[in-house]
PDB file of N, CA and C in Angstrom:
ATOM      1  N   MET A   1      25.703 112.006 -74.428  1.00  0.00           N
ATOM      2  CA  MET A   1      26.048 112.700 -75.754  1.00  0.00           C
ATOM      3  C   MET A   1      26.586 111.669 -76.755  1.00  0.00           C
ATOM      4  N   ILE A   2      25.956 111.430 -77.991  1.00  0.00           N
ATOM      5  CA  ILE A   2      26.705 110.704 -78.915  1.00  0.00           C
ATOM      6  C   ILE A   2      27.513 111.328 -79.940  1.00  0.00           C
ATOM      7  N   LYS A   3      28.641 110.928 -80.258  1.00  0.00           N
ATOM      8  CA  LYS A   3      29.620 111.342 -81.169  1.00  0.00           C
ATOM      9  C   LYS A   3      29.169 111.613 -82.511  1.00  0.00           C
ATOM     10  N   ASN A   4      29.238 112.631 -83.168  1.00  0.00           N
ATOM     11  CA  ASN A   4      28.629 112.718 -84.518  1.00  0.00           C
ATOM     12  C   ASN A   4      29.650 113.200 -85.498  1.00  0.00           C
ATOM     13  N   MET A   5      31.147 113.003 -85.055  1.00  0.00           N
ATOM     14  CA  MET A   5      32.009 113.385 -85.909  1.00  0.00           C
ATOM     15  C   MET A   5      32.848 112.529 -86.333  1.00  0.00           C
ATOM     16  N   GLY A   6      33.161 112.212 -87.591  1.00  0.00           N
ATOM     17  CA  GLY A   6      34.166 111.182 -88.073  1.00  0.00           C
ATOM     18  C   GLY A   6      35.862 111.917 -88.176  1.00  0.00           C
ATOM     19  N   ASN A   7      36.773 111.030 -88.234  1.00  0.00           N
ATOM     20  CA  ASN A   7      37.985 111.520 -88.141  1.00  0.00           C
ATOM     21  C   ASN A   7      38.468 112.602 -88.927  1.00  0.00           C
ATOM     22  N   THR A   8      37.931 112.419 -90.101  1.00  0.00           N
ATOM     23  CA  THR A   8      38.334 113.554 -91.306  1.00  0.00           C
ATOM     24  C   THR A   8      37.661 114.722 -90.683  1.00  0.00           C
ATOM     25  N   ASP A   9      36.460 114.757 -90.444  1.00  0.00           N
ATOM     26  CA  ASP A   9      35.952 116.213 -89.832  1.00  0.00           C
ATOM     27  C   ASP A   9      36.691 116.765 -88.599  1.00  0.00           C
ATOM     28  N   ARG A  10      36.907 115.801 -87.679  1.00  0.00           N
ATOM     29  CA  ARG A  10      37.727 116.504 -86.501  1.00  0.00           C
ATOM     30  C   ARG A  10      39.002 116.893 -87.011  1.00  0.00           C
ATOM     31  N   ILE A  11      40.012 116.161 -87.724  1.00  0.00           N
ATOM     32  CA  ILE A  11      40.868 116.807 -88.547  1.00  0.00           C
ATOM     33  C   ILE A  11      40.928 118.174 -88.975  1.00  0.00           C
ATOM     34  N   ILE A  12      40.106 118.071 -89.805  1.00  0.00           N
ATOM     35  CA  ILE A  12      39.897 119.240 -90.528  1.00  0.00           C
ATOM     36  C   ILE A  12      39.660 120.609 -89.697  1.00  0.00           C
ATOM     37  N   ARG A  13      38.582 120.092 -88.760  1.00  0.00           N
ATOM     38  CA  ARG A  13      38.153 121.218 -87.660  1.00  0.00           C
ATOM     39  C   ARG A  13      39.414 121.792 -86.886  1.00  0.00           C
ATOM     40  N   ILE A  14      40.394 121.001 -86.605  1.00  0.00           N
ATOM     41  CA  ILE A  14      41.696 121.177 -85.662  1.00  0.00           C
ATOM     42  C   ILE A  14      42.312 121.839 -86.340  1.00  0.00           C
ATOM     43  N   ILE A  15      42.669 121.734 -87.662  1.00  0.00           N
ATOM     44  CA  ILE A  15      43.325 122.691 -88.369  1.00  0.00           C
ATOM     45  C   ILE A  15      42.739 123.836 -88.451  1.00  0.00           C
ATOM     46  N   VAL A  16      41.604 124.248 -89.093  1.00  0.00           N
ATOM     47  CA  VAL A  16      40.998 125.150 -89.260  1.00  0.00           C
ATOM     48  C   VAL A  16      40.957 126.278 -88.020  1.00  0.00           C
ATOM     49  N   GLY A  17      40.657 125.705 -86.854  1.00  0.00           N
ATOM     50  CA  GLY A  17      40.771 126.187 -85.497  1.00  0.00           C
ATOM     51  C   GLY A  17      42.041 126.692 -85.016  1.00  0.00           C
ATOM     52  N   VAL A  18      42.905 126.021 -85.343  1.00  0.00           N
ATOM     53  CA  VAL A  18      44.251 126.252 -84.821  1.00  0.00           C
ATOM     54  C   VAL A  18      44.884 127.754 -85.775  1.00  0.00           C
ATOM     55  N   ILE A  19      44.561 127.410 -87.364  1.00  0.00           N
ATOM     56  CA  ILE A  19      44.693 128.933 -88.236  1.00  0.00           C
ATOM     57  C   ILE A  19      44.304 129.882 -87.932  1.00  0.00           C
ATOM     58  N   VAL A  20      42.822 129.835 -87.578  1.00  0.00           N
ATOM     59  CA  VAL A  20      42.027 131.137 -87.300  1.00  0.00           C
ATOM     60  C   VAL A  20      42.666 131.629 -85.927  1.00  0.00           C
ATOM     61  N   ILE A  21      42.902 130.903 -84.887  1.00  0.00           N
ATOM     62  CA  ILE A  21      43.709 131.554 -83.909  1.00  0.00           C
ATOM     63  C   ILE A  21      44.893 132.064 -84.062  1.00  0.00           C
ATOM     64  N   VAL A  22      45.756 131.444 -84.948  1.00  0.00           N
ATOM     65  CA  VAL A  22      47.002 131.765 -85.179  1.00  0.00           C
ATOM     66  C   VAL A  22      46.867 133.408 -86.119  1.00  0.00           C
ATOM     67  N   LEU A  23      45.968 133.281 -86.771  1.00  0.00           N
ATOM     68  CA  LEU A  23      45.872 134.332 -87.605  1.00  0.00           C
ATOM     69  C   LEU A  23      45.186 135.756 -86.689  1.00  0.00           C
ATOM     70  N   GLY A  24      44.453 135.518 -85.398  1.00  0.00           N
ATOM     71  CA  GLY A  24      43.831 136.120 -84.776  1.00  0.00           C
ATOM     72  C   GLY A  24      45.024 136.755 -83.881  1.00  0.00           C
ATOM     73  N   ILE A  25      45.708 135.895 -83.578  1.00  0.00           N
ATOM     74  CA  ILE A  25      46.861 136.452 -82.846  1.00  0.00           C
ATOM     75  C   ILE A  25      47.965 137.451 -83.691  1.00  0.00           C
ATOM     76  N   PHE A  26      48.029 136.628 -84.937  1.00  0.00           N
ATOM     77  CA  PHE A  26      49.254 137.528 -85.802  1.00  0.00           C
ATOM     78  C   PHE A  26      48.366 139.085 -86.149  1.00  0.00           C
ATOM     79  N   PHE A  27      47.291 139.032 -86.266  1.00  0.00           N
ATOM     80  CA  PHE A  27      46.490 140.357 -86.752  1.00  0.00           C
ATOM     81  C   PHE A  27      46.024 141.202 -85.581  1.00  0.00           C
ATOM     82  N   LYS A  28      46.492 140.559 -84.225  1.00  0.00           N
ATOM     83  CA  LYS A  28      45.761 141.475 -82.885  1.00  0.00           C
ATOM     84  C   LYS A  28      44.418 141.570 -82.961  1.00  0.00           C
ATOM     85  N   SER A  29      43.797 140.479 -83.194  1.00  0.00           N
ATOM     86  CA  SER A  29      42.109 140.551 -83.468  1.00  0.00           C
ATOM     87  C   SER A  29      41.393 139.508 -82.306  1.00  0.00           C
ATOM     88  N   TRP A  30      40.388 140.095 -81.961  1.00  0.00           N
ATOM     89  CA  TRP A  30      39.734 139.120 -81.037  1.00  0.00           C
ATOM     90  C   TRP A  30      38.929 138.148 -81.888  1.00  0.00           C
ATOM     91  N   TRP A  31      38.765 138.256 -83.304  1.00  0.00           N
ATOM     92  CA  TRP A  31      38.313 137.310 -84.092  1.00  0.00           C
ATOM     93  C   TRP A  31      38.922 135.982 -84.343  1.00  0.00           C
ATOM     94  N   GLY A  32      40.082 135.922 -83.630  1.00  0.00           N
ATOM     95  CA  GLY A  32      40.806 134.716 -83.697  1.00  0.00           C
ATOM     96  C   GLY A  32      40.364 133.646 -82.590  1.00  0.00           C
ATOM     97  N   ALA A  33      39.229 134.058 -81.264  1.00  0.00           N
ATOM     98  CA  ALA A  33      38.684 133.575 -80.525  1.00  0.00           C
ATOM     99  C   ALA A  33      37.773 132.575 -81.194  1.00  0.00           C
ATOM    100  N   ILE A  34      37.283 133.153 -82.590  1.00  0.00           N
ATOM    101  CA  ILE A  34      36.325 132.326 -83.051  1.00  0.00           C
ATOM    102  C   ILE A  34      36.994 130.889 -83.287  1.00  0.00           C
ATOM    103  N   GLY A  35      38.171 130.836 -83.148  1.00  0.00           N
ATOM    104  CA  GLY A  35      38.842 129.421 -83.426  1.00  0.00           C
ATOM    105  C   GLY A  35      38.684 128.332 -82.575  1.00  0.00           C
ATOM    106  N   LEU A  36      38.259 128.903 -81.447  1.00  0.00           N
ATOM    107  CA  LEU A  36      38.039 127.762 -80.315  1.00  0.00           C
ATOM    108  C   LEU A  36      36.729 127.071 -80.596  1.00  0.00           C
ATOM    109  N   ILE A  37      35.932 127.440 -81.676  1.00  0.00           N
ATOM    110  CA  ILE A  37      34.699 126.807 -81.373  1.00  0.00           C
ATOM    111  C   ILE A  37      35.087 125.389 -82.299  1.00  0.00           C
ATOM    112  N   PRO A  38      35.447 125.302 -83.738  1.00  0.00           N
ATOM    113  CA  PRO A  38      35.958 124.252 -84.625  1.00  0.00           C
ATOM    114  C   PRO A  38      36.994 123.208 -83.434  1.00  0.00           C
ATOM    115  N   LEU A  39      37.943 123.949 -82.853  1.00  0.00           N
ATOM    116  CA  LEU A  39      38.653 123.456 -81.899  1.00  0.00           C
ATOM    117  C   LEU A  39      38.103 122.320 -80.800  1.00  0.00           C
ATOM    118  N   ALA A  40      37.108 123.080 -80.155  1.00  0.00           N
ATOM    119  CA  ALA A  40      36.436 122.446 -78.964  1.00  0.00           C
ATOM    120  C   ALA A  40      35.498 121.501 -79.475  1.00  0.00           C
ATOM    121  N   THR A  41      34.832 121.314 -80.367  1.00  0.00           N
ATOM    122  CA  THR A  41      33.877 120.658 -81.176  1.00  0.00           C
ATOM    123  C   THR A  41      34.669 119.138 -81.710  1.00  0.00           C
ATOM    124  N   SER A  42      35.977 119.696 -82.186  1.00  0.00           N
ATOM    125  CA  SER A  42      36.610 118.502 -82.460  1.00  0.00           C
ATOM    126  C   SER A  42      37.034 117.647 -81.444  1.00  0.00           C
ATOM    127  N   LEU A  43      37.474 118.464 -80.444  1.00  0.00           N
ATOM    128  CA  LEU A  43      38.155 117.712 -79.545  1.00  0.00           C
ATOM    129  C   LEU A  43      36.818 116.903 -78.681  1.00  0.00           C
ATOM    130  N   ILE A  44      35.922 117.148 -78.544  1.00  0.00           N
ATOM    131  CA  ILE A  44      34.888 116.245 -77.998  1.00  0.00           C
ATOM    132  C   ILE A  44      34.383 115.448 -79.080  1.00  0.00           C
ATOM    133  N   GLY A  45      34.334 115.457 -79.939  1.00  0.00           N
ATOM    134  CA  GLY A  45      33.670 114.933 -80.999  1.00  0.00           C
ATOM    135  C   GLY A  45      32.381 114.737 -81.593  1.00  0.00           C
ATOM    136  N   TRP A  46      31.591 115.951 -81.127  1.00  0.00           N
ATOM    137  CA  TRP A  46      30.065 116.421 -81.277  1.00  0.00           C
ATOM    138  C   TRP A  46      29.966 117.804 -81.722  1.00  0.00           C
ATOM    139  N   CYS A  47      29.078 117.768 -82.822  1.00  0.00           N
ATOM    140  CA  CYS A  47      28.857 119.260 -83.350  1.00  0.00           C
ATOM    141  C   CYS A  47      27.331 119.554 -83.097  1.00  0.00           C
ATOM    142  N   PRO A  48      27.252 120.451 -82.148  1.00  0.00           N
ATOM    143  CA  PRO A  48      25.674 120.777 -81.796  1.00  0.00           C
ATOM    144  C   PRO A  48      24.760 121.225 -83.064  1.00  0.00           C
ATOM    145  N   LEU A  49      25.334 121.645 -84.393  1.00  0.00           N
ATOM    146  CA  LEU A  49      24.602 121.789 -85.507  1.00  0.00           C
ATOM    147  C   LEU A  49      24.251 120.687 -86.094  1.00  0.00           C
ATOM    148  N   TYR A  50      25.185 119.645 -86.087  1.00  0.00           N
ATOM    149  CA  TYR A  50      24.731 118.398 -86.684  1.00  0.00           C
ATOM    150  C   TYR A  50      23.442 117.983 -85.991  1.00  0.00           C
ATOM    151  N   ALA A  51      23.413 117.992 -84.781  1.00  0.00           N
ATOM    152  CA  ALA A  51      22.372 117.288 -83.943  1.00  0.00           C
ATOM    153  C   ALA A  51      20.931 117.582 -84.491  1.00  0.00           C
ATOM    154  N   PRO A  52      20.545 118.558 -84.740  1.00  0.00           N
ATOM    155  CA  PRO A  52      18.881 118.765 -84.972  1.00  0.00           C
ATOM    156  C   PRO A  52      18.462 118.199 -86.443  1.00  0.00           C
ATOM    157  N   PHE A  53      19.477 118.000 -87.390  1.00  0.00           N
ATOM    158  CA  PHE A  53      19.645 117.359 -88.332  1.00  0.00           C
ATOM    159  C   PHE A  53      19.758 115.909 -88.457  1.00  0.00           C
ATOM    160  N   LYS A  54      19.960 115.589 -87.168  1.00  0.00           N
ATOM    161  CA  LYS A  54      20.437 113.933 -87.390  1.00  0.00           C
ATOM    162  C   LYS A  54      21.572 113.775 -88.346  1.00  0.00           C
ATOM    163  N   PHE A  55      22.556 114.611 -88.630  1.00  0.00           N
ATOM    164  CA  PHE A  55      23.490 114.341 -89.298  1.00  0.00           C
ATOM    165  C   PHE A  55      24.680 113.796 -88.455  1.00  0.00           C
ATOM    166  N   SER A  56      25.680 113.200 -89.182  1.00  0.00           N
ATOM    167  CA  SER A  56      26.645 112.581 -88.711  1.00  0.00           C
ATOM    168  C   SER A  56      27.770 112.181 -89.961  1.00  0.00           C
ATOM    169  N   THR A  57      29.078 112.500 -89.570  1.00  0.00           N
ATOM    170  CA  THR A  57      30.254 112.055 -90.495  1.00  0.00           C
ATOM    171  C   THR A  57      30.882 110.988 -89.929  1.00  0.00           C
ATOM    172  N   MET A  58      30.337 110.279 -89.146  1.00  0.00           N
ATOM    173  CA  MET A  58      31.098 108.902 -88.866  1.00  0.00           C
ATOM    174  C   MET A  58      30.716 107.821 -89.842  1.00  0.00           C
ATOM    175  N   LYS A  59      31.623 107.120 -89.483  1.00  0.00           N
ATOM    176  CA  LYS A  59      31.524 105.929 -90.665  1.00  0.00           C
ATOM    177  C   LYS A  59      30.597 104.983 -90.038  1.00  0.00           C
ATOM    178  N   LYS A  60      29.686 104.256 -90.872  1.00  0.00           N
ATOM    179  CA  LYS A  60      28.599 103.258 -90.628  1.00  0.00           C
ATOM    180  C   LYS A  60      29.495 101.994 -90.063  1.00  0.00           C
ATOM    181  N   SER A  61      28.920 101.492 -89.296  1.00  0.00           N
ATOM    182  CA  SER A  61      29.636 100.326 -88.611  1.00  0.00           C
ATOM    183  C   SER A  61      28.715  99.339 -88.840  1.00  0.00           C
ATOM    184  N   GLY A  62      29.159  98.087 -89.569  1.00  0.00           N
ATOM    185  CA  GLY A  62      28.414  96.960 -90.053  1.00  0.00           C
ATOM    186  C   GLY A  62      28.125  96.718 -90.988  1.00  0.00           C
TER     187      GLY A  62
END
């Protein structure tokens, strides 16, 4: 699996994921579990929604 997420994209996803999880805990809602998706994709560095479109936020080398 080739990584398709740049550092900025990963940082934003981590922040959004943590915020959604915290809000889910605060409001006692299972919707907080949705925050696991951006958190997981940022930790592995690969977004399955980017793959079919051959989209990448990584910087071009060279």
